[in-house]
């Protein structure tokens, strides 16, 4: 499956992905199970099913070495977050950051600390400069007509 065609993940699958992203890859089912066995009561078949779904959805690569199956993330966590954010912004807020911030403010989901952090980020953000090539093109055309 191409990275462009990732499936949607459930909360449980995301929990497993976060654990895998924080481990040295590749990982085995036993390595992941060590994290969730006590807290969640998961057994090998449960986790194997979750890992298989993540492989089918294009999030994990499965490699068999001898009798051991290893799993590696196909994309990094930041890449996933970027893709999900773009999809969410486009579908829910029509790509409008203002709409997003308004929704967050109305839900009272933004703290003073969050606002201060956003201001700092905005102050330090470097907007890519769009170069207007049309003036250069017109000058080049004028030079050609003179020759």
N, C-alpha and C. Protein backbone atom coordinates (compact mmCIF):
# COMPACT_ATOMS: atom_id res chain seq x y z
N UNK A 1 0.85 -1.19 0.00
CA UNK A 1 0.00 0.00 0.00
C UNK A 1 0.88 1.24 0.00
N UNK A 2 0.55 2.17 -0.83
CA UNK A 2 1.28 3.44 -0.95
C UNK A 2 1.03 4.30 0.28
N UNK A 3 2.03 5.07 0.69
CA UNK A 3 1.87 5.98 1.82
C UNK A 3 0.70 6.94 1.61
N UNK A 4 0.38 7.25 0.36
CA UNK A 4 -0.69 8.19 0.06
C UNK A 4 -2.06 7.61 0.38
N UNK A 5 -2.17 6.28 0.48
CA UNK A 5 -3.45 5.62 0.65
C UNK A 5 -3.59 5.03 2.05
N UNK A 6 -3.21 5.73 3.07
CA UNK A 6 -3.31 5.22 4.42
C UNK A 6 -4.77 5.12 4.85
N UNK A 7 -5.07 4.05 5.58
CA UNK A 7 -6.41 3.90 6.13
C UNK A 7 -6.55 4.72 7.41
N UNK A 8 -7.77 4.78 7.91
CA UNK A 8 -8.03 5.47 9.17
C UNK A 8 -7.69 4.52 10.32
N UNK A 9 -7.21 5.06 11.43
CA UNK A 9 -6.87 4.22 12.58
C UNK A 9 -7.82 4.48 13.74
N UNK A 10 -8.08 3.42 14.48
CA UNK A 10 -8.92 3.53 15.69
C UNK A 10 -8.06 4.09 16.82
N UNK A 11 -8.70 4.40 17.93
CA UNK A 11 -7.94 4.90 19.10
C UNK A 11 -6.97 3.85 19.61
N UNK A 12 -7.42 2.61 19.62
CA UNK A 12 -6.55 1.52 20.09
C UNK A 12 -5.36 1.35 19.16
N UNK A 13 -5.59 1.40 17.86
CA UNK A 13 -4.50 1.29 16.90
C UNK A 13 -3.52 2.45 17.05
N UNK A 14 -4.04 3.64 17.31
CA UNK A 14 -3.17 4.80 17.51
C UNK A 14 -2.33 4.64 18.77
N UNK A 15 -2.91 4.06 19.79
CA UNK A 15 -2.16 3.79 21.02
C UNK A 15 -0.96 2.89 20.72
N UNK A 16 -1.17 1.87 19.93
CA UNK A 16 -0.10 0.96 19.55
C UNK A 16 0.93 1.67 18.67
N UNK A 17 0.46 2.47 17.71
CA UNK A 17 1.39 3.20 16.85
C UNK A 17 2.28 4.14 17.66
N UNK A 18 1.70 4.84 18.62
CA UNK A 18 2.51 5.75 19.46
C UNK A 18 3.60 4.99 20.20
N UNK A 19 3.26 3.81 20.69
CA UNK A 19 4.26 2.99 21.39
C UNK A 19 5.38 2.58 20.42
N UNK A 20 4.99 2.16 19.23
CA UNK A 20 5.99 1.71 18.24
C UNK A 20 6.87 2.88 17.80
N UNK A 21 6.28 4.05 17.61
CA UNK A 21 7.08 5.22 17.22
C UNK A 21 8.13 5.56 18.27
N UNK A 22 7.87 5.24 19.52
CA UNK A 22 8.80 5.58 20.60
C UNK A 22 9.86 4.50 20.84
N UNK A 23 9.71 3.36 20.18
CA UNK A 23 10.67 2.26 20.35
C UNK A 23 11.67 2.26 19.20
N UNK A 24 12.76 1.54 19.42
CA UNK A 24 13.70 1.31 18.32
C UNK A 24 13.09 0.26 17.41
N UNK A 25 12.95 0.59 16.15
CA UNK A 25 12.35 -0.35 15.19
C UNK A 25 13.44 -1.21 14.59
N UNK A 26 13.09 -2.39 14.17
CA UNK A 26 11.78 -3.02 14.21
C UNK A 26 11.47 -3.58 15.60
N UNK A 27 10.17 -3.83 15.83
CA UNK A 27 9.72 -4.36 17.11
C UNK A 27 9.00 -5.69 16.90
N UNK A 28 8.96 -6.47 17.95
CA UNK A 28 8.21 -7.73 17.92
C UNK A 28 6.92 -7.55 18.70
N UNK A 29 6.00 -8.49 18.53
CA UNK A 29 4.74 -8.44 19.27
C UNK A 29 5.01 -8.49 20.78
N UNK A 30 6.03 -9.24 21.18
CA UNK A 30 6.36 -9.36 22.61
C UNK A 30 6.85 -8.03 23.20
N UNK A 31 7.61 -7.29 22.40
CA UNK A 31 8.11 -6.00 22.87
C UNK A 31 6.97 -5.01 23.10
N UNK A 32 5.99 -5.00 22.20
CA UNK A 32 4.84 -4.11 22.35
C UNK A 32 3.94 -4.62 23.47
N UNK A 33 3.78 -5.93 23.56
CA UNK A 33 2.92 -6.52 24.59
C UNK A 33 3.42 -6.19 25.99
N UNK A 34 4.72 -6.07 26.15
CA UNK A 34 5.29 -5.75 27.46
C UNK A 34 4.75 -4.43 28.00
N UNK A 35 4.39 -3.53 27.10
CA UNK A 35 3.87 -2.22 27.52
C UNK A 35 2.41 -2.32 27.96
N UNK A 36 1.63 -3.12 27.26
CA UNK A 36 0.18 -3.11 27.45
C UNK A 36 -0.40 -4.32 28.18
N UNK A 37 0.40 -5.32 28.43
CA UNK A 37 -0.11 -6.54 29.04
C UNK A 37 -0.74 -6.29 30.41
N UNK A 38 -0.05 -5.55 31.27
CA UNK A 38 -0.58 -5.28 32.62
C UNK A 38 -1.75 -4.30 32.59
N UNK A 39 -1.53 -3.13 31.96
CA UNK A 39 -2.53 -2.06 31.97
C UNK A 39 -3.81 -2.44 31.23
N UNK A 40 -3.68 -3.10 30.11
CA UNK A 40 -4.84 -3.38 29.25
C UNK A 40 -5.29 -4.82 29.30
N UNK A 41 -4.45 -5.69 29.84
CA UNK A 41 -4.80 -7.10 29.90
C UNK A 41 -4.77 -7.79 28.55
N UNK A 42 -4.04 -7.19 27.61
CA UNK A 42 -3.97 -7.77 26.27
C UNK A 42 -3.15 -9.05 26.27
N UNK A 43 -3.50 -9.92 25.37
CA UNK A 43 -2.75 -11.16 25.13
C UNK A 43 -2.20 -11.09 23.70
N UNK A 44 -1.34 -12.03 23.36
CA UNK A 44 -0.69 -12.03 22.05
C UNK A 44 -1.70 -12.01 20.90
N UNK A 45 -2.77 -12.82 20.92
CA UNK A 45 -3.71 -12.78 19.78
C UNK A 45 -4.36 -11.40 19.58
N UNK A 46 -4.68 -10.72 20.67
CA UNK A 46 -5.29 -9.39 20.58
C UNK A 46 -4.33 -8.42 19.90
N UNK A 47 -3.11 -8.38 20.37
CA UNK A 47 -2.12 -7.46 19.83
C UNK A 47 -1.74 -7.84 18.39
N UNK A 48 -1.67 -9.13 18.11
CA UNK A 48 -1.36 -9.57 16.74
C UNK A 48 -2.43 -9.09 15.77
N UNK A 49 -3.68 -9.13 16.20
CA UNK A 49 -4.79 -8.64 15.37
C UNK A 49 -4.64 -7.15 15.10
N UNK A 50 -4.33 -6.39 16.13
CA UNK A 50 -4.15 -4.93 15.99
C UNK A 50 -2.99 -4.63 15.05
N UNK A 51 -1.88 -5.33 15.23
CA UNK A 51 -0.70 -5.13 14.37
C UNK A 51 -1.02 -5.50 12.92
N UNK A 52 -1.77 -6.57 12.71
CA UNK A 52 -2.15 -6.98 11.35
C UNK A 52 -3.02 -5.92 10.69
N UNK A 53 -3.94 -5.34 11.45
CA UNK A 53 -4.78 -4.27 10.91
C UNK A 53 -3.93 -3.07 10.50
N UNK A 54 -2.93 -2.74 11.32
CA UNK A 54 -2.05 -1.61 11.01
C UNK A 54 -1.20 -1.89 9.76
N UNK A 55 -0.83 -3.14 9.56
CA UNK A 55 -0.13 -3.52 8.33
C UNK A 55 -1.08 -3.35 7.14
N UNK A 56 -2.30 -3.86 7.28
CA UNK A 56 -3.29 -3.78 6.19
C UNK A 56 -3.63 -2.34 5.84
N UNK A 57 -3.61 -1.45 6.82
CA UNK A 57 -3.95 -0.04 6.60
C UNK A 57 -2.76 0.78 6.11
N UNK A 58 -1.59 0.17 6.02
CA UNK A 58 -0.43 0.87 5.48
C UNK A 58 0.41 1.63 6.48
N UNK A 59 0.24 1.34 7.77
CA UNK A 59 1.01 2.04 8.79
C UNK A 59 2.27 1.29 9.20
N UNK A 60 2.23 -0.04 9.09
CA UNK A 60 3.36 -0.85 9.51
C UNK A 60 3.83 -1.75 8.38
N UNK A 61 5.11 -2.05 8.40
CA UNK A 61 5.72 -3.02 7.50
C UNK A 61 6.00 -4.26 8.33
N UNK A 62 5.64 -5.42 7.81
CA UNK A 62 5.86 -6.68 8.52
C UNK A 62 6.97 -7.45 7.82
N UNK A 63 7.94 -7.91 8.61
CA UNK A 63 9.06 -8.67 8.07
C UNK A 63 9.24 -9.94 8.91
N UNK A 64 9.33 -11.07 8.23
CA UNK A 64 9.50 -12.34 8.94
C UNK A 64 10.96 -12.76 8.83
N UNK A 65 11.57 -12.97 10.00
CA UNK A 65 12.96 -13.44 10.07
C UNK A 65 12.96 -14.74 10.87
N UNK A 66 13.10 -15.83 10.17
CA UNK A 66 13.02 -17.12 10.85
C UNK A 66 11.59 -17.33 11.33
N UNK A 67 11.42 -17.50 12.64
CA UNK A 67 10.07 -17.69 13.20
C UNK A 67 9.55 -16.43 13.88
N UNK A 68 10.29 -15.33 13.76
CA UNK A 68 9.91 -14.09 14.45
C UNK A 68 9.42 -13.06 13.44
N UNK A 69 8.32 -12.40 13.80
CA UNK A 69 7.76 -11.35 12.94
C UNK A 69 8.15 -10.00 13.55
N UNK A 70 8.71 -9.14 12.70
CA UNK A 70 9.11 -7.80 13.11
C UNK A 70 8.22 -6.78 12.43
N UNK A 71 7.93 -5.70 13.15
CA UNK A 71 7.09 -4.62 12.62
C UNK A 71 7.86 -3.31 12.67
N UNK A 72 7.76 -2.55 11.59
CA UNK A 72 8.40 -1.23 11.51
C UNK A 72 7.38 -0.23 10.98
N UNK A 73 7.41 1.00 11.51
CA UNK A 73 6.50 2.02 10.97
C UNK A 73 6.89 2.41 9.55
N UNK A 74 5.90 2.59 8.70
CA UNK A 74 6.16 3.00 7.32
C UNK A 74 6.40 4.50 7.26
N UNK A 75 5.76 5.27 8.14
CA UNK A 75 6.01 6.70 8.18
C UNK A 75 6.26 7.12 9.61
N UNK A 76 6.95 8.23 9.76
CA UNK A 76 7.26 8.76 11.09
C UNK A 76 6.03 9.44 11.69
N UNK A 77 6.06 9.57 13.00
CA UNK A 77 4.92 10.16 13.71
C UNK A 77 4.61 11.58 13.21
N UNK A 78 5.64 12.40 13.00
CA UNK A 78 5.41 13.78 12.54
C UNK A 78 4.77 13.80 11.16
N UNK A 79 5.16 12.88 10.30
CA UNK A 79 4.56 12.80 8.96
C UNK A 79 3.09 12.43 9.07
N UNK A 80 2.79 11.48 9.95
CA UNK A 80 1.39 11.09 10.18
C UNK A 80 0.58 12.28 10.69
N UNK A 81 1.12 12.97 11.70
CA UNK A 81 0.40 14.12 12.26
C UNK A 81 0.14 15.18 11.20
N UNK A 82 1.12 15.43 10.37
CA UNK A 82 0.96 16.42 9.31
C UNK A 82 -0.16 16.03 8.35
N UNK A 83 -0.16 14.77 7.92
CA UNK A 83 -1.20 14.29 7.00
C UNK A 83 -2.58 14.37 7.64
N UNK A 84 -2.70 13.91 8.88
CA UNK A 84 -3.99 13.93 9.57
C UNK A 84 -4.49 15.36 9.78
N UNK A 85 -3.57 16.25 10.12
CA UNK A 85 -3.94 17.65 10.34
C UNK A 85 -4.44 18.27 9.05
N UNK A 86 -3.75 18.02 7.94
CA UNK A 86 -4.17 18.56 6.65
C UNK A 86 -5.55 18.03 6.26
N UNK A 87 -5.76 16.75 6.47
CA UNK A 87 -7.06 16.14 6.15
C UNK A 87 -8.16 16.74 7.01
N UNK A 88 -7.91 16.85 8.31
CA UNK A 88 -8.88 17.41 9.24
C UNK A 88 -9.19 18.86 8.89
N UNK A 89 -8.16 19.66 8.68
CA UNK A 89 -8.36 21.07 8.36
C UNK A 89 -9.16 21.24 7.08
N UNK A 90 -8.87 20.44 6.07
CA UNK A 90 -9.57 20.55 4.79
C UNK A 90 -11.02 20.12 4.93
N UNK A 91 -11.27 19.03 5.63
CA UNK A 91 -12.64 18.51 5.68
C UNK A 91 -13.52 19.21 6.69
N UNK A 92 -12.97 19.63 7.81
CA UNK A 92 -13.78 20.23 8.87
C UNK A 92 -13.79 21.75 8.80
N UNK A 93 -12.68 22.36 8.45
CA UNK A 93 -12.55 23.82 8.49
C UNK A 93 -12.29 24.44 7.12
N UNK A 94 -12.49 23.67 6.06
CA UNK A 94 -12.26 24.15 4.69
C UNK A 94 -10.88 24.80 4.53
N UNK A 95 -9.92 24.29 5.27
CA UNK A 95 -8.56 24.79 5.18
C UNK A 95 -8.30 26.08 5.93
N UNK A 96 -9.29 26.56 6.68
CA UNK A 96 -9.17 27.85 7.36
C UNK A 96 -8.63 27.70 8.78
N UNK A 97 -7.46 28.25 9.02
CA UNK A 97 -6.89 28.23 10.37
C UNK A 97 -7.71 29.10 11.31
N UNK A 98 -8.30 30.16 10.76
CA UNK A 98 -9.14 31.05 11.57
C UNK A 98 -10.37 30.29 12.07
N UNK A 99 -10.98 29.50 11.20
CA UNK A 99 -12.13 28.68 11.60
C UNK A 99 -11.74 27.72 12.71
N UNK A 100 -10.57 27.12 12.57
CA UNK A 100 -10.08 26.19 13.59
C UNK A 100 -9.90 26.89 14.94
N UNK A 101 -9.22 28.04 14.93
CA UNK A 101 -8.99 28.76 16.18
C UNK A 101 -10.29 29.25 16.81
N UNK A 102 -11.23 29.69 15.98
CA UNK A 102 -12.54 30.10 16.50
C UNK A 102 -13.24 28.94 17.19
N UNK A 103 -13.21 27.77 16.57
CA UNK A 103 -13.84 26.59 17.17
C UNK A 103 -13.17 26.23 18.49
N UNK A 104 -11.85 26.31 18.54
CA UNK A 104 -11.14 26.01 19.77
C UNK A 104 -11.47 27.01 20.86
N UNK A 105 -11.56 28.29 20.49
CA UNK A 105 -11.87 29.34 21.47
C UNK A 105 -13.30 29.18 21.99
N UNK A 106 -14.24 28.90 21.09
CA UNK A 106 -15.64 28.72 21.50
C UNK A 106 -15.80 27.52 22.43
N UNK A 107 -15.00 26.51 22.24
CA UNK A 107 -15.05 25.32 23.09
C UNK A 107 -14.25 25.51 24.38
N UNK A 108 -13.66 26.69 24.51
CA UNK A 108 -12.82 27.00 25.67
C UNK A 108 -11.71 25.95 25.83
N UNK A 109 -11.16 25.56 24.70
CA UNK A 109 -10.11 24.53 24.68
C UNK A 109 -8.72 25.13 24.54
N UNK A 110 -8.62 26.46 24.68
CA UNK A 110 -7.34 27.14 24.53
C UNK A 110 -7.04 27.88 25.83
N UNK A 111 -5.88 27.60 26.40
CA UNK A 111 -5.48 28.26 27.65
C UNK A 111 -4.65 29.50 27.34
N UNK A 112 -4.42 30.30 28.35
CA UNK A 112 -3.55 31.47 28.19
C UNK A 112 -2.15 31.04 27.79
N UNK A 113 -1.70 29.93 28.36
CA UNK A 113 -0.37 29.41 28.01
C UNK A 113 -0.32 28.99 26.54
N UNK A 114 -1.42 28.39 26.06
CA UNK A 114 -1.49 28.01 24.64
C UNK A 114 -1.38 29.24 23.75
N UNK A 115 -2.10 30.29 24.11
CA UNK A 115 -2.10 31.53 23.32
C UNK A 115 -0.71 32.15 23.31
N UNK A 116 -0.06 32.17 24.47
CA UNK A 116 1.30 32.71 24.55
C UNK A 116 2.26 31.90 23.67
N UNK A 117 2.10 30.59 23.70
CA UNK A 117 2.95 29.73 22.88
C UNK A 117 2.70 29.96 21.39
N UNK A 118 1.43 30.14 21.01
CA UNK A 118 1.10 30.42 19.61
C UNK A 118 1.66 31.76 19.17
N UNK A 119 1.56 32.77 20.04
CA UNK A 119 2.12 34.09 19.70
C UNK A 119 3.62 33.99 19.45
N UNK A 120 4.29 33.27 20.31
CA UNK A 120 5.74 33.09 20.17
C UNK A 120 6.04 32.38 18.85
N UNK A 121 5.27 31.35 18.54
CA UNK A 121 5.49 30.62 17.29
C UNK A 121 5.26 31.54 16.10
N UNK A 122 4.16 32.30 16.13
CA UNK A 122 3.84 33.22 15.02
C UNK A 122 4.94 34.26 14.85
N UNK A 123 5.44 34.81 15.96
CA UNK A 123 6.51 35.82 15.90
C UNK A 123 7.79 35.26 15.26
N UNK A 124 8.03 33.97 15.46
CA UNK A 124 9.25 33.36 14.95
C UNK A 124 9.08 32.64 13.61
N UNK A 125 7.84 32.52 13.15
CA UNK A 125 7.57 31.81 11.91
C UNK A 125 8.07 32.60 10.72
N UNK A 126 8.76 31.94 9.85
CA UNK A 126 9.28 32.57 8.64
C UNK A 126 8.39 32.16 7.47
N UNK A 127 7.66 33.11 6.92
CA UNK A 127 6.77 32.84 5.80
C UNK A 127 7.63 32.68 4.54
N UNK A 128 7.41 31.58 3.83
CA UNK A 128 8.15 31.44 2.56
C UNK A 128 7.82 32.59 1.62
N UNK A 129 8.83 33.18 1.04
CA UNK A 129 8.63 34.34 0.17
C UNK A 129 8.31 33.85 -1.23
N UNK A 130 7.18 34.30 -1.75
CA UNK A 130 6.80 33.96 -3.12
C UNK A 130 7.50 34.94 -4.05
N UNK A 131 8.21 34.41 -5.00
CA UNK A 131 8.95 35.26 -5.93
C UNK A 131 8.07 35.51 -7.15
N UNK A 132 7.90 36.78 -7.49
CA UNK A 132 7.11 37.14 -8.66
C UNK A 132 8.02 37.09 -9.88
N UNK A 133 7.85 36.06 -10.66
CA UNK A 133 8.70 35.86 -11.82
C UNK A 133 8.16 36.58 -13.05
N UNK A 134 6.96 37.12 -12.98
CA UNK A 134 6.35 37.75 -14.16
C UNK A 134 7.15 38.98 -14.61
N UNK A 135 7.69 39.76 -13.68
CA UNK A 135 8.48 40.94 -14.05
C UNK A 135 9.75 40.51 -14.78
N UNK A 136 10.39 39.43 -14.29
CA UNK A 136 11.58 38.91 -14.95
C UNK A 136 11.25 38.41 -16.36
N UNK A 137 10.09 37.76 -16.48
CA UNK A 137 9.67 37.23 -17.77
C UNK A 137 9.42 38.36 -18.76
N UNK A 138 8.76 39.42 -18.30
CA UNK A 138 8.49 40.58 -19.17
C UNK A 138 9.79 41.25 -19.61
N UNK A 139 10.75 41.35 -18.70
CA UNK A 139 12.04 41.96 -19.04
C UNK A 139 12.77 41.11 -20.07
N UNK A 140 12.71 39.80 -19.91
CA UNK A 140 13.35 38.88 -20.86
C UNK A 140 12.70 38.99 -22.23
N UNK A 141 11.37 39.09 -22.27
CA UNK A 141 10.66 39.24 -23.54
C UNK A 141 11.06 40.56 -24.22
N UNK A 142 11.17 41.62 -23.44
CA UNK A 142 11.54 42.92 -23.99
C UNK A 142 12.94 42.88 -24.60
N UNK A 143 13.86 42.19 -23.91
CA UNK A 143 15.22 42.07 -24.43
C UNK A 143 15.24 41.31 -25.75
N UNK A 144 14.41 40.26 -25.85
CA UNK A 144 14.37 39.46 -27.06
C UNK A 144 13.82 40.27 -28.26
N UNK A 145 12.85 41.13 -28.01
CA UNK A 145 12.26 41.90 -29.10
C UNK A 145 13.22 42.98 -29.58
N UNK A 146 14.14 43.41 -28.71
CA UNK A 146 15.09 44.44 -29.07
C UNK A 146 16.21 43.90 -29.97
N UNK A 147 16.45 42.61 -29.88
CA UNK A 147 17.56 42.02 -30.62
C UNK A 147 17.23 41.79 -32.06
